[in-house]
Amino acid sequence: GDIEVEEEDRMRDLAWLSLARVYYTAANKVDD
């Protein structure tokens, strides 16, 4: 809460969405 951000809720949601996508991609491994 120490920083002012435009559209704070939107940025939070985008961070969570981006994290989910990174984790999902990293979770799926195909043996070469």
PDB file of all heavy atoms in Angstrom:
ATOM      1  N   GLY A   1       0.791  -1.217   0.000  1.00  0.00           N
ATOM      2  CA  GLY A   1       0.000   0.000   0.000  1.00  0.00           C
ATOM      3  C   GLY A   1       0.826   1.269   0.000  1.00  0.00           C
ATOM      4  O   GLY A   1       0.285   2.367   0.129  1.00  0.00           O
ATOM      5  N   ASP A   2       2.134   1.144  -0.129  1.00  0.00           N
ATOM      6  CA  ASP A   2       3.028   2.302  -0.098  1.00  0.00           C
ATOM      7  C   ASP A   2       3.179   2.978  -1.450  1.00  0.00           C
ATOM      8  O   ASP A   2       3.892   3.976  -1.557  1.00  0.00           O
ATOM      9  CB  ASP A   2       4.422   1.883   0.390  1.00  0.00           C
ATOM     10  CG  ASP A   2       4.398   1.395   1.824  1.00  0.00           C
ATOM     11  OD1 ASP A   2       3.457   1.770   2.553  1.00  0.00           O
ATOM     12  OD2 ASP A   2       5.298   0.636   2.206  1.00  0.00           O
ATOM     13  N   ILE A   3       2.537   2.423  -2.462  1.00  0.00           N
ATOM     14  CA  ILE A   3       2.755   2.927  -3.815  1.00  0.00           C
ATOM     15  C   ILE A   3       1.411   3.225  -4.464  1.00  0.00           C
ATOM     16  O   ILE A   3       0.440   2.486  -4.277  1.00  0.00           O
ATOM     17  CB  ILE A   3       3.555   1.878  -4.634  1.00  0.00           C
ATOM     18  CG1 ILE A   3       4.038   2.447  -5.930  1.00  0.00           C
ATOM     19  CG2 ILE A   3       2.766   0.630  -4.848  1.00  0.00           C
ATOM     20  CD1 ILE A   3       5.083   1.582  -6.607  1.00  0.00           C
ATOM     21  N   GLU A   4       1.352   4.339  -5.181  1.00  0.00           N
ATOM     22  CA  GLU A   4       0.130   4.686  -5.893  1.00  0.00           C
ATOM     23  C   GLU A   4       0.209   4.136  -7.308  1.00  0.00           C
ATOM     24  O   GLU A   4       1.205   4.329  -8.003  1.00  0.00           O
ATOM     25  CB  GLU A   4      -0.051   6.194  -5.949  1.00  0.00           C
ATOM     26  CG  GLU A   4      -0.530   6.790  -4.646  1.00  0.00           C
ATOM     27  CD  GLU A   4      -0.908   8.242  -4.799  1.00  0.00           C
ATOM     28  OE1 GLU A   4      -1.500   8.607  -5.836  1.00  0.00           O
ATOM     29  OE2 GLU A   4      -0.611   9.008  -3.875  1.00  0.00           O
ATOM     30  N   VAL A   5      -0.849   3.451  -7.695  1.00  0.00           N
ATOM     31  CA  VAL A   5      -0.886   2.815  -9.010  1.00  0.00           C
ATOM     32  C   VAL A   5      -2.240   3.100  -9.647  1.00  0.00           C
ATOM     33  O   VAL A   5      -3.268   3.009  -8.984  1.00  0.00           O
ATOM     34  CB  VAL A   5      -0.693   1.281  -8.879  1.00  0.00           C
ATOM     35  CG1 VAL A   5      -0.772   0.601 -10.217  1.00  0.00           C
ATOM     36  CG2 VAL A   5       0.600   0.959  -8.182  1.00  0.00           C
ATOM     37  N   GLU A   6      -2.217   3.442 -10.921  1.00  0.00           N
ATOM     38  CA  GLU A   6      -3.476   3.562 -11.639  1.00  0.00           C
ATOM     39  C   GLU A   6      -4.044   2.158 -11.823  1.00  0.00           C
ATOM     40  O   GLU A   6      -3.314   1.222 -12.120  1.00  0.00           O
ATOM     41  CB  GLU A   6      -3.247   4.197 -13.006  1.00  0.00           C
ATOM     42  CG  GLU A   6      -2.912   5.666 -12.946  1.00  0.00           C
ATOM     43  CD  GLU A   6      -2.787   6.270 -14.336  1.00  0.00           C
ATOM     44  OE1 GLU A   6      -3.452   5.776 -15.269  1.00  0.00           O
ATOM     45  OE2 GLU A   6      -2.015   7.229 -14.466  1.00  0.00           O
ATOM     46  N   GLU A   7      -5.332   2.024 -11.634  1.00  0.00           N
ATOM     47  CA  GLU A   7      -6.036   0.748 -11.816  1.00  0.00           C
ATOM     48  C   GLU A   7      -5.384  -0.377 -11.006  1.00  0.00           C
ATOM     49  O   GLU A   7      -5.014  -1.419 -11.537  1.00  0.00           O
ATOM     50  CB  GLU A   7      -6.087   0.366 -13.296  1.00  0.00           C
ATOM     51  CG  GLU A   7      -6.790   1.391 -14.170  1.00  0.00           C
ATOM     52  CD  GLU A   7      -6.863   0.959 -15.602  1.00  0.00           C
ATOM     53  OE1 GLU A   7      -5.826   1.011 -16.293  1.00  0.00           O
ATOM     54  OE2 GLU A   7      -7.962   0.541 -16.024  1.00  0.00           O
ATOM     55  N   GLU A   8      -5.295  -0.160  -9.722  1.00  0.00           N
ATOM     56  CA  GLU A   8      -4.635  -1.118  -8.833  1.00  0.00           C
ATOM     57  C   GLU A   8      -5.252  -2.511  -8.922  1.00  0.00           C
ATOM     58  O   GLU A   8      -4.528  -3.509  -9.015  1.00  0.00           O
ATOM     59  CB  GLU A   8      -4.694  -0.608  -7.396  1.00  0.00           C
ATOM     60  CG  GLU A   8      -3.999  -1.503  -6.404  1.00  0.00           C
ATOM     61  CD  GLU A   8      -3.992  -0.933  -5.005  1.00  0.00           C
ATOM     62  OE1 GLU A   8      -3.941   0.299  -4.854  1.00  0.00           O
ATOM     63  OE2 GLU A   8      -4.043  -1.744  -4.062  1.00  0.00           O
ATOM     64  N   ASP A   9      -6.577  -2.591  -8.884  1.00  0.00           N
ATOM     65  CA  ASP A   9      -7.237  -3.908  -8.956  1.00  0.00           C
ATOM     66  C   ASP A   9      -6.924  -4.617 -10.264  1.00  0.00           C
ATOM     67  O   ASP A   9      -6.691  -5.829 -10.288  1.00  0.00           O
ATOM     68  CB  ASP A   9      -8.754  -3.765  -8.794  1.00  0.00           C
ATOM     69  CG  ASP A   9      -9.144  -3.339  -7.388  1.00  0.00           C
ATOM     70  OD1 ASP A   9      -8.344  -3.536  -6.452  1.00  0.00           O
ATOM     71  OD2 ASP A   9     -10.253  -2.788  -7.230  1.00  0.00           O
ATOM     72  N   ARG A  10      -6.923  -3.860 -11.343  1.00  0.00           N
ATOM     73  CA  ARG A  10      -6.620  -4.446 -12.665  1.00  0.00           C
ATOM     74  C   ARG A  10      -5.192  -4.977 -12.711  1.00  0.00           C
ATOM     75  O   ARG A  10      -4.952  -6.077 -13.207  1.00  0.00           O
ATOM     76  CB  ARG A  10      -6.839  -3.408 -13.753  1.00  0.00           C
ATOM     77  CG  ARG A  10      -6.666  -3.953 -15.143  1.00  0.00           C
ATOM     78  CD  ARG A  10      -7.137  -2.917 -16.174  1.00  0.00           C
ATOM     79  NE  ARG A  10      -7.142  -3.504 -17.477  1.00  0.00           N
ATOM     80  CZ  ARG A  10      -6.174  -3.308 -18.381  1.00  0.00           C
ATOM     81  NH1 ARG A  10      -5.155  -2.516 -18.098  1.00  0.00           N
ATOM     82  NH2 ARG A  10      -6.237  -3.878 -19.554  1.00  0.00           N
ATOM     83  N   MET A  11      -4.257  -4.217 -12.174  1.00  0.00           N
ATOM     84  CA  MET A  11      -2.855  -4.658 -12.167  1.00  0.00           C
ATOM     85  C   MET A  11      -2.688  -5.894 -11.300  1.00  0.00           C
ATOM     86  O   MET A  11      -1.941  -6.808 -11.646  1.00  0.00           O
ATOM     87  CB  MET A  11      -1.936  -3.530 -11.703  1.00  0.00           C
ATOM     88  CG  MET A  11      -1.855  -2.369 -12.674  1.00  0.00           C
ATOM     89  SD  MET A  11      -1.373  -2.845 -14.348  1.00  0.00           S
ATOM     90  CE  MET A  11       0.359  -3.188 -14.109  1.00  0.00           C
ATOM     91  N   ARG A  12      -3.395  -5.951 -10.185  1.00  0.00           N
ATOM     92  CA  ARG A  12      -3.338  -7.129  -9.309  1.00  0.00           C
ATOM     93  C   ARG A  12      -3.866  -8.355 -10.058  1.00  0.00           C
ATOM     94  O   ARG A  12      -3.245  -9.417 -10.043  1.00  0.00           O
ATOM     95  CB  ARG A  12      -4.144  -6.884  -8.040  1.00  0.00           C
ATOM     96  CG  ARG A  12      -4.096  -8.060  -7.065  1.00  0.00           C
ATOM     97  CD  ARG A  12      -4.886  -7.789  -5.787  1.00  0.00           C
ATOM     98  NE  ARG A  12      -4.206  -6.772  -4.986  1.00  0.00           N
ATOM     99  CZ  ARG A  12      -4.626  -5.521  -4.823  1.00  0.00           C
ATOM    100  NH1 ARG A  12      -5.752  -5.118  -5.405  1.00  0.00           N
ATOM    101  NH2 ARG A  12      -3.956  -4.661  -4.097  1.00  0.00           N
ATOM    102  N   ASP A  13      -5.006  -8.190 -10.727  1.00  0.00           N
ATOM    103  CA  ASP A  13      -5.585  -9.307 -11.480  1.00  0.00           C
ATOM    104  C   ASP A  13      -4.659  -9.763 -12.606  1.00  0.00           C
ATOM    105  O   ASP A  13      -4.504 -10.965 -12.848  1.00  0.00           O
ATOM    106  CB  ASP A  13      -6.948  -8.930 -12.049  1.00  0.00           C
ATOM    107  CG  ASP A  13      -8.014  -8.796 -10.972  1.00  0.00           C
ATOM    108  OD1 ASP A  13      -7.807  -9.289  -9.850  1.00  0.00           O
ATOM    109  OD2 ASP A  13      -9.064  -8.183 -11.266  1.00  0.00           O
ATOM    110  N   LEU A  14      -4.047  -8.804 -13.299  1.00  0.00           N
ATOM    111  CA  LEU A  14      -3.117  -9.160 -14.376  1.00  0.00           C
ATOM    112  C   LEU A  14      -1.896  -9.901 -13.833  1.00  0.00           C
ATOM    113  O   LEU A  14      -1.391 -10.832 -14.475  1.00  0.00           O
ATOM    114  CB  LEU A  14      -2.685  -7.914 -15.141  1.00  0.00           C
ATOM    115  CG  LEU A  14      -3.713  -7.342 -16.100  1.00  0.00           C
ATOM    116  CD1 LEU A  14      -3.255  -5.983 -16.635  1.00  0.00           C
ATOM    117  CD2 LEU A  14      -3.970  -8.303 -17.248  1.00  0.00           C
ATOM    118  N   ALA A  15      -1.426  -9.502 -12.655  1.00  0.00           N
ATOM    119  CA  ALA A  15      -0.287 -10.201 -12.051  1.00  0.00           C
ATOM    120  C   ALA A  15      -0.673 -11.638 -11.702  1.00  0.00           C
ATOM    121  O   ALA A  15       0.081 -12.573 -11.984  1.00  0.00           O
ATOM    122  CB  ALA A  15       0.200  -9.451 -10.812  1.00  0.00           C
ATOM    123  N   TRP A  16      -1.860 -11.813 -11.090  1.00  0.00           N
ATOM    124  CA  TRP A  16      -2.302 -13.177 -10.764  1.00  0.00           C
ATOM    125  C   TRP A  16      -2.519 -14.017 -12.024  1.00  0.00           C
ATOM    126  O   TRP A  16      -2.131 -15.184 -12.078  1.00  0.00           O
ATOM    127  CB  TRP A  16      -3.579 -13.151  -9.924  1.00  0.00           C
ATOM    128  CG  TRP A  16      -3.357 -12.849  -8.490  1.00  0.00           C
ATOM    129  CD1 TRP A  16      -3.860 -11.801  -7.777  1.00  0.00           C
ATOM    130  CD2 TRP A  16      -2.567 -13.606  -7.557  1.00  0.00           C
ATOM    131  NE1 TRP A  16      -3.426 -11.856  -6.482  1.00  0.00           N
ATOM    132  CE2 TRP A  16      -2.636 -12.957  -6.315  1.00  0.00           C
ATOM    133  CE3 TRP A  16      -1.806 -14.766  -7.661  1.00  0.00           C
ATOM    134  CZ2 TRP A  16      -1.979 -13.425  -5.182  1.00  0.00           C
ATOM    135  CZ3 TRP A  16      -1.138 -15.240  -6.532  1.00  0.00           C
ATOM    136  CH2 TRP A  16      -1.229 -14.577  -5.315  1.00  0.00           C
ATOM    137  N   LEU A  17      -3.131 -13.423 -13.028  1.00  0.00           N
ATOM    138  CA  LEU A  17      -3.371 -14.135 -14.284  1.00  0.00           C
ATOM    139  C   LEU A  17      -2.053 -14.530 -14.940  1.00  0.00           C
ATOM    140  O   LEU A  17      -1.894 -15.669 -15.406  1.00  0.00           O
ATOM    141  CB  LEU A  17      -4.200 -13.255 -15.221  1.00  0.00           C
ATOM    142  CG  LEU A  17      -4.832 -13.889 -16.441  1.00  0.00           C
ATOM    143  CD1 LEU A  17      -5.799 -14.991 -16.044  1.00  0.00           C
ATOM    144  CD2 LEU A  17      -5.559 -12.834 -17.250  1.00  0.00           C
ATOM    145  N   SER A  18      -1.103 -13.631 -14.939  1.00  0.00           N
ATOM    146  CA  SER A  18       0.213 -13.919 -15.522  1.00  0.00           C
ATOM    147  C   SER A  18       0.942 -15.004 -14.742  1.00  0.00           C
ATOM    148  O   SER A  18       1.551 -15.903 -15.335  1.00  0.00           O
ATOM    149  CB  SER A  18       1.064 -12.643 -15.568  1.00  0.00           C
ATOM    150  OG  SER A  18       0.436 -11.671 -16.368  1.00  0.00           O
ATOM    151  N   LEU A  19       0.870 -14.933 -13.414  1.00  0.00           N
ATOM    152  CA  LEU A  19       1.488 -15.983 -12.590  1.00  0.00           C
ATOM    153  C   LEU A  19       0.867 -17.342 -12.890  1.00  0.00           C
ATOM    154  O   LEU A  19       1.583 -18.348 -13.029  1.00  0.00           O
ATOM    155  CB  LEU A  19       1.308 -15.668 -11.107  1.00  0.00           C
ATOM    156  CG  LEU A  19       2.381 -14.852 -10.436  1.00  0.00           C
ATOM    157  CD1 LEU A  19       1.979 -14.513  -9.007  1.00  0.00           C
ATOM    158  CD2 LEU A  19       3.707 -15.577 -10.452  1.00  0.00           C
ATOM    159  N   ALA A  20      -0.455 -17.378 -12.973  1.00  0.00           N
ATOM    160  CA  ALA A  20      -1.138 -18.642 -13.254  1.00  0.00           C
ATOM    161  C   ALA A  20      -0.669 -19.223 -14.580  1.00  0.00           C
ATOM    162  O   ALA A  20      -0.404 -20.432 -14.684  1.00  0.00           O
ATOM    163  CB  ALA A  20      -2.654 -18.424 -13.279  1.00  0.00           C
ATOM    164  N   ARG A  21      -0.536 -18.385 -15.575  1.00  0.00           N
ATOM    165  CA  ARG A  21      -0.111 -18.864 -16.897  1.00  0.00           C
ATOM    166  C   ARG A  21       1.323 -19.382 -16.879  1.00  0.00           C
ATOM    167  O   ARG A  21       1.630 -20.382 -17.528  1.00  0.00           O
ATOM    168  CB  ARG A  21      -0.275 -17.745 -17.919  1.00  0.00           C
ATOM    169  CG  ARG A  21      -1.729 -17.437 -18.202  1.00  0.00           C
ATOM    170  CD  ARG A  21      -1.907 -16.193 -19.027  1.00  0.00           C
ATOM    171  NE  ARG A  21      -3.314 -15.984 -19.349  1.00  0.00           N
ATOM    172  CZ  ARG A  21      -3.790 -14.891 -19.891  1.00  0.00           C
ATOM    173  NH1 ARG A  21      -2.973 -13.889 -20.204  1.00  0.00           N
ATOM    174  NH2 ARG A  21      -5.078 -14.776 -20.147  1.00  0.00           N
ATOM    175  N   VAL A  22       2.180 -18.704 -16.147  1.00  0.00           N
ATOM    176  CA  VAL A  22       3.575 -19.165 -16.050  1.00  0.00           C
ATOM    177  C   VAL A  22       3.628 -20.510 -15.329  1.00  0.00           C
ATOM    178  O   VAL A  22       4.294 -21.443 -15.782  1.00  0.00           O
ATOM    179  CB  VAL A  22       4.466 -18.126 -15.338  1.00  0.00           C
ATOM    180  CG1 VAL A  22       5.854 -18.694 -15.060  1.00  0.00           C
ATOM    181  CG2 VAL A  22       4.583 -16.859 -16.157  1.00  0.00           C
ATOM    182  N   TYR A  23       2.913 -20.614 -14.201  1.00  0.00           N
ATOM    183  CA  TYR A  23       2.898 -21.869 -13.461  1.00  0.00           C
ATOM    184  C   TYR A  23       2.318 -23.011 -14.298  1.00  0.00           C
ATOM    185  O   TYR A  23       2.838 -24.128 -14.299  1.00  0.00           O
ATOM    186  CB  TYR A  23       2.094 -21.737 -12.166  1.00  0.00           C
ATOM    187  CG  TYR A  23       2.786 -20.962 -11.078  1.00  0.00           C
ATOM    188  CD1 TYR A  23       2.097 -20.025 -10.323  1.00  0.00           C
ATOM    189  CD2 TYR A  23       4.126 -21.177 -10.776  1.00  0.00           C
ATOM    190  CE1 TYR A  23       2.719 -19.319  -9.310  1.00  0.00           C
ATOM    191  CE2 TYR A  23       4.750 -20.470  -9.765  1.00  0.00           C
ATOM    192  CZ  TYR A  23       4.041 -19.550  -9.039  1.00  0.00           C
ATOM    193  OH  TYR A  23       4.658 -18.855  -8.034  1.00  0.00           O
ATOM    194  N   TYR A  24       1.226 -22.736 -15.001  1.00  0.00           N
ATOM    195  CA  TYR A  24       0.591 -23.760 -15.834  1.00  0.00           C
ATOM    196  C   TYR A  24       1.560 -24.248 -16.908  1.00  0.00           C
ATOM    197  O   TYR A  24       1.699 -25.445 -17.137  1.00  0.00           O
ATOM    198  CB  TYR A  24      -0.683 -23.201 -16.476  1.00  0.00           C
ATOM    199  CG  TYR A  24      -1.367 -24.178 -17.400  1.00  0.00           C
ATOM    200  CD1 TYR A  24      -2.225 -25.144 -16.893  1.00  0.00           C
ATOM    201  CD2 TYR A  24      -1.154 -24.142 -18.771  1.00  0.00           C
ATOM    202  CE1 TYR A  24      -2.852 -26.051 -17.744  1.00  0.00           C
ATOM    203  CE2 TYR A  24      -1.775 -25.036 -19.621  1.00  0.00           C
ATOM    204  CZ  TYR A  24      -2.622 -25.983 -19.098  1.00  0.00           C
ATOM    205  OH  TYR A  24      -3.231 -26.884 -19.936  1.00  0.00           O
ATOM    206  N   THR A  25       2.227 -23.318 -17.557  1.00  0.00           N
ATOM    207  CA  THR A  25       3.176 -23.686 -18.614  1.00  0.00           C
ATOM    208  C   THR A  25       4.335 -24.481 -18.046  1.00  0.00           C
ATOM    209  O   THR A  25       4.751 -25.492 -18.620  1.00  0.00           O
ATOM    210  CB  THR A  25       3.694 -22.421 -19.327  1.00  0.00           C
ATOM    211  OG1 THR A  25       2.572 -21.721 -19.871  1.00  0.00           O
ATOM    212  CG2 THR A  25       4.651 -22.766 -20.444  1.00  0.00           C
ATOM    213  N   ALA A  26       4.842 -24.045 -16.898  1.00  0.00           N
ATOM    214  CA  ALA A  26       5.964 -24.751 -16.271  1.00  0.00           C
ATOM    215  C   ALA A  26       5.549 -26.138 -15.776  1.00  0.00           C
ATOM    216  O   ALA A  26       6.379 -27.048 -15.714  1.00  0.00           O
ATOM    217  CB  ALA A  26       6.532 -23.923 -15.120  1.00  0.00           C
ATOM    218  N   ALA A  27       4.286 -26.307 -15.436  1.00  0.00           N
ATOM    219  CA  ALA A  27       3.803 -27.594 -14.930  1.00  0.00           C
ATOM    220  C   ALA A  27       3.734 -28.649 -16.016  1.00  0.00           C
ATOM    221  O   ALA A  27       3.770 -29.845 -15.734  1.00  0.00           O
ATOM    222  CB  ALA A  27       2.426 -27.420 -14.286  1.00  0.00           C
ATOM    223  N   ASN A  28       3.633 -28.229 -17.272  1.00  0.00           N
ATOM    224  CA  ASN A  28       3.495 -29.158 -18.391  1.00  0.00           C
ATOM    225  C   ASN A  28       4.832 -29.364 -19.075  1.00  0.00           C
ATOM    226  O   ASN A  28       5.319 -28.480 -19.766  1.00  0.00           O
ATOM    227  CB  ASN A  28       2.495 -28.609 -19.410  1.00  0.00           C
ATOM    228  CG  ASN A  28       1.096 -28.658 -18.893  1.00  0.00           C
ATOM    229  OD1 ASN A  28       0.528 -29.726 -18.783  1.00  0.00           O
ATOM    230  ND2 ASN A  28       0.536 -27.514 -18.562  1.00  0.00           N
ATOM    231  N   LYS A  29       5.388 -30.514 -18.878  1.00  0.00           N
ATOM    232  CA  LYS A  29       6.656 -30.847 -19.521  1.00  0.00           C
ATOM    233  C   LYS A  29       6.444 -32.045 -20.437  1.00  0.00           C
ATOM    234  O   LYS A  29       5.772 -33.003 -20.082  1.00  0.00           O
ATOM    235  CB  LYS A  29       7.719 -31.210 -18.481  1.00  0.00           C
ATOM    236  CG  LYS A  29       8.031 -30.107 -17.493  1.00  0.00           C
ATOM    237  CD  LYS A  29       8.871 -29.060 -18.126  1.00  0.00           C
ATOM    238  CE  LYS A  29       9.265 -28.038 -17.081  1.00  0.00           C
ATOM    239  NZ  LYS A  29       9.676 -26.807 -17.603  1.00  0.00           N
ATOM    240  N   VAL A  30       7.038 -31.965 -21.607  1.00  0.00           N
ATOM    241  CA  VAL A  30       6.990 -33.084 -22.543  1.00  0.00           C
ATOM    242  C   VAL A  30       8.409 -33.597 -22.687  1.00  0.00           C
ATOM    243  O   VAL A  30       9.334 -32.846 -23.005  1.00  0.00           O
ATOM    244  CB  VAL A  30       6.414 -32.658 -23.913  1.00  0.00           C
ATOM    245  CG1 VAL A  30       6.454 -33.810 -24.895  1.00  0.00           C
ATOM    246  CG2 VAL A  30       5.001 -32.138 -23.751  1.00  0.00           C
ATOM    247  N   ASP A  31       8.574 -34.888 -22.437  1.00  0.00           N
ATOM    248  CA  ASP A  31       9.885 -35.513 -22.570  1.00  0.00           C
ATOM    249  C   ASP A  31      10.291 -35.513 -24.041  1.00  0.00           C
ATOM    250  O   ASP A  31       9.559 -36.018 -24.891  1.00  0.00           O
ATOM    251  CB  ASP A  31       9.835 -36.939 -22.025  1.00  0.00           C
ATOM    252  CG  ASP A  31      11.199 -37.577 -21.925  1.00  0.00           C
ATOM    253  OD1 ASP A  31      11.915 -37.633 -22.950  1.00  0.00           O
ATOM    254  OD2 ASP A  31      11.556 -38.024 -20.823  1.00  0.00           O
ATOM    255  N   ASP A  32      11.457 -34.942 -24.335  1.00  0.00           N
ATOM    256  CA  ASP A  32      11.912 -34.822 -25.727  1.00  0.00           C
ATOM    257  C   ASP A  32      12.161 -36.174 -26.382  1.00  0.00           C
ATOM    258  O   ASP A  32      11.993 -36.316 -27.599  1.00  0.00           O
ATOM    259  CB  ASP A  32      13.191 -33.977 -25.801  1.00  0.00           C
ATOM    260  CG  ASP A  32      12.937 -32.527 -25.452  1.00  0.00           C
ATOM    261  OD1 ASP A  32      11.783 -32.078 -25.610  1.00  0.00           O
ATOM    262  OD2 ASP A  32      13.884 -31.841 -25.018  1.00  0.00           O
TER     263      ASP A  32
END
